[in-house]
Amino acid sequence: MKSLSPIKTYIDEFKPEIKTRLNSIYKIIRSHFPDASETFAYQMPTLKGKKNLIHFAGCANHIGIYPGAKGITFLLS
């Protein structure tokens, strides 16, 4: 059996409604940064190129998305 990535494991720890939203966000981010490596930074799932591209996190009452400089450039284009 193939083990889940650390980010997928992180997502799986949430309640179903949050998990669904985090999975959607993760898939969208992954589709735009397919070659990014996965890590954790600031205790959040992070996709990284040479530098951090984008962080995201599930919280009690919201989901946070924190783009790095390249992520902001992408979002504004």
C-alpha atoms as a PDB file:
ATOM      1  CA  MET A   1       0.000   0.000   0.000  1.00  0.00           C
ATOM      2  CA  LYS A   2       1.308   3.440  -0.971  1.00  0.00           C
ATOM      3  CA  SER A   3       1.700   5.823   1.960  1.00  0.00           C
ATOM      4  CA  LEU A   4       0.195   9.293   1.828  1.00  0.00           C
ATOM      5  CA  SER A   5       2.363  12.362   1.487  1.00  0.00           C
ATOM      6  CA  PRO A   6       2.776  14.397   4.678  1.00  0.00           C
ATOM      7  CA  ILE A   7       0.419  17.041   3.272  1.00  0.00           C
ATOM      8  CA  LYS A   8      -2.284  14.469   2.426  1.00  0.00           C
ATOM      9  CA  THR A   9      -1.857  13.000   5.917  1.00  0.00           C
ATOM     10  CA  TYR A  10      -2.287  16.514   7.379  1.00  0.00           C
ATOM     11  CA  ILE A  11      -5.480  17.052   5.340  1.00  0.00           C
ATOM     12  CA  ASP A  12      -6.916  13.682   6.370  1.00  0.00           C
ATOM     13  CA  GLU A  13      -6.872  14.738  10.040  1.00  0.00           C
ATOM     14  CA  PHE A  14      -9.662  17.305   9.523  1.00  0.00           C
ATOM     15  CA  LYS A  15     -13.435  16.965   9.703  1.00  0.00           C
ATOM     16  CA  PRO A  16     -15.014  15.955   6.362  1.00  0.00           C
ATOM     17  CA  GLU A  17     -16.228  19.429   5.353  1.00  0.00           C
ATOM     18  CA  ILE A  18     -12.810  21.015   6.017  1.00  0.00           C
ATOM     19  CA  LYS A  19     -11.008  18.061   4.430  1.00  0.00           C
ATOM     20  CA  THR A  20     -13.027  18.488   1.222  1.00  0.00           C
ATOM     21  CA  ARG A  21     -12.103  22.159   0.986  1.00  0.00           C
ATOM     22  CA  LEU A  22      -8.432  21.564   1.791  1.00  0.00           C
ATOM     23  CA  ASN A  23      -8.253  18.810  -0.841  1.00  0.00           C
ATOM     24  CA  SER A  24      -9.751  21.175  -3.421  1.00  0.00           C
ATOM     25  CA  ILE A  25      -7.251  23.900  -2.554  1.00  0.00           C
ATOM     26  CA  TYR A  26      -4.384  21.417  -2.627  1.00  0.00           C
ATOM     27  CA  LYS A  27      -5.408  20.130  -6.092  1.00  0.00           C
ATOM     28  CA  ILE A  28      -5.674  23.666  -7.488  1.00  0.00           C
ATOM     29  CA  ILE A  29      -2.273  24.646  -6.102  1.00  0.00           C
ATOM     30  CA  ARG A  30      -0.734  21.395  -7.369  1.00  0.00           C
ATOM     31  CA  SER A  31      -2.160  21.953 -10.862  1.00  0.00           C
ATOM     32  CA  HIS A  32      -0.406  25.336 -11.086  1.00  0.00           C
ATOM     33  CA  PHE A  33       2.853  24.222  -9.466  1.00  0.00           C
ATOM     34  CA  PRO A  34       3.219  20.553 -10.533  1.00  0.00           C
ATOM     35  CA  ASP A  35       6.988  20.431 -10.005  1.00  0.00           C
ATOM     36  CA  ALA A  36       6.970  22.033  -6.548  1.00  0.00           C
ATOM     37  CA  SER A  37       8.272  19.993  -3.647  1.00  0.00           C
ATOM     38  CA  GLU A  38       6.135  19.487  -0.572  1.00  0.00           C
ATOM     39  CA  THR A  39       7.249  20.482   2.882  1.00  0.00           C
ATOM     40  CA  PHE A  40       6.020  22.164   6.036  1.00  0.00           C
ATOM     41  CA  ALA A  41       7.006  25.702   6.963  1.00  0.00           C
ATOM     42  CA  TYR A  42       5.617  27.748   9.819  1.00  0.00           C
ATOM     43  CA  GLN A  43       3.765  24.533  10.793  1.00  0.00           C
ATOM     44  CA  MET A  44       1.724  24.692   7.561  1.00  0.00           C
ATOM     45  CA  PRO A  45       1.725  22.593   4.394  1.00  0.00           C
ATOM     46  CA  THR A  46       3.945  24.360   1.888  1.00  0.00           C
ATOM     47  CA  LEU A  47       4.737  23.919  -1.774  1.00  0.00           C
ATOM     48  CA  LYS A  48       8.220  25.024  -2.595  1.00  0.00           C
ATOM     49  CA  GLY A  49      10.331  25.780  -5.655  1.00  0.00           C
ATOM     50  CA  LYS A  50      13.653  27.479  -4.952  1.00  0.00           C
ATOM     51  CA  LYS A  51      11.712  29.414  -2.306  1.00  0.00           C
ATOM     52  CA  ASN A  52       8.354  28.900  -0.631  1.00  0.00           C
ATOM     53  CA  LEU A  53       5.594  29.301  -3.221  1.00  0.00           C
ATOM     54  CA  ILE A  54       2.489  28.993  -1.084  1.00  0.00           C
ATOM     55  CA  HIS A  55       1.381  27.848   2.364  1.00  0.00           C
ATOM     56  CA  PHE A  56      -2.125  26.807   3.357  1.00  0.00           C
ATOM     57  CA  ALA A  57      -3.691  25.648   6.591  1.00  0.00           C
ATOM     58  CA  GLY A  58      -6.943  24.498   8.078  1.00  0.00           C
ATOM     59  CA  CYS A  59      -8.027  26.293  11.239  1.00  0.00           C
ATOM     60  CA  ALA A  60     -11.058  26.067  13.522  1.00  0.00           C
ATOM     61  CA  ASN A  61     -13.094  28.712  11.698  1.00  0.00           C
ATOM     62  CA  HIS A  62     -11.269  29.367   8.449  1.00  0.00           C
ATOM     63  CA  ILE A  63      -8.741  28.120   5.916  1.00  0.00           C
ATOM     64  CA  GLY A  64      -5.671  30.292   5.439  1.00  0.00           C
ATOM     65  CA  ILE A  65      -3.784  30.650   2.167  1.00  0.00           C
ATOM     66  CA  TYR A  66      -0.467  32.458   2.312  1.00  0.00           C
ATOM     67  CA  PRO A  67       1.327  32.889  -1.024  1.00  0.00           C
ATOM     68  CA  GLY A  68       4.998  33.711  -1.313  1.00  0.00           C
ATOM     69  CA  ALA A  69       6.284  36.276  -3.825  1.00  0.00           C
ATOM     70  CA  LYS A  70       6.038  33.915  -6.838  1.00  0.00           C
ATOM     71  CA  GLY A  71       2.571  32.817  -5.728  1.00  0.00           C
ATOM     72  CA  ILE A  72       1.432  36.427  -5.517  1.00  0.00           C
ATOM     73  CA  THR A  73       2.837  37.153  -8.975  1.00  0.00           C
ATOM     74  CA  PHE A  74       0.951  34.151 -10.327  1.00  0.00           C
ATOM     75  CA  LEU A  75      -2.299  35.127  -8.614  1.00  0.00           C
ATOM     76  CA  LEU A  76      -2.105  38.698  -9.935  1.00  0.00           C
ATOM     77  CA  SER A  77      -1.430  37.689 -13.531  1.00  0.00           C
END
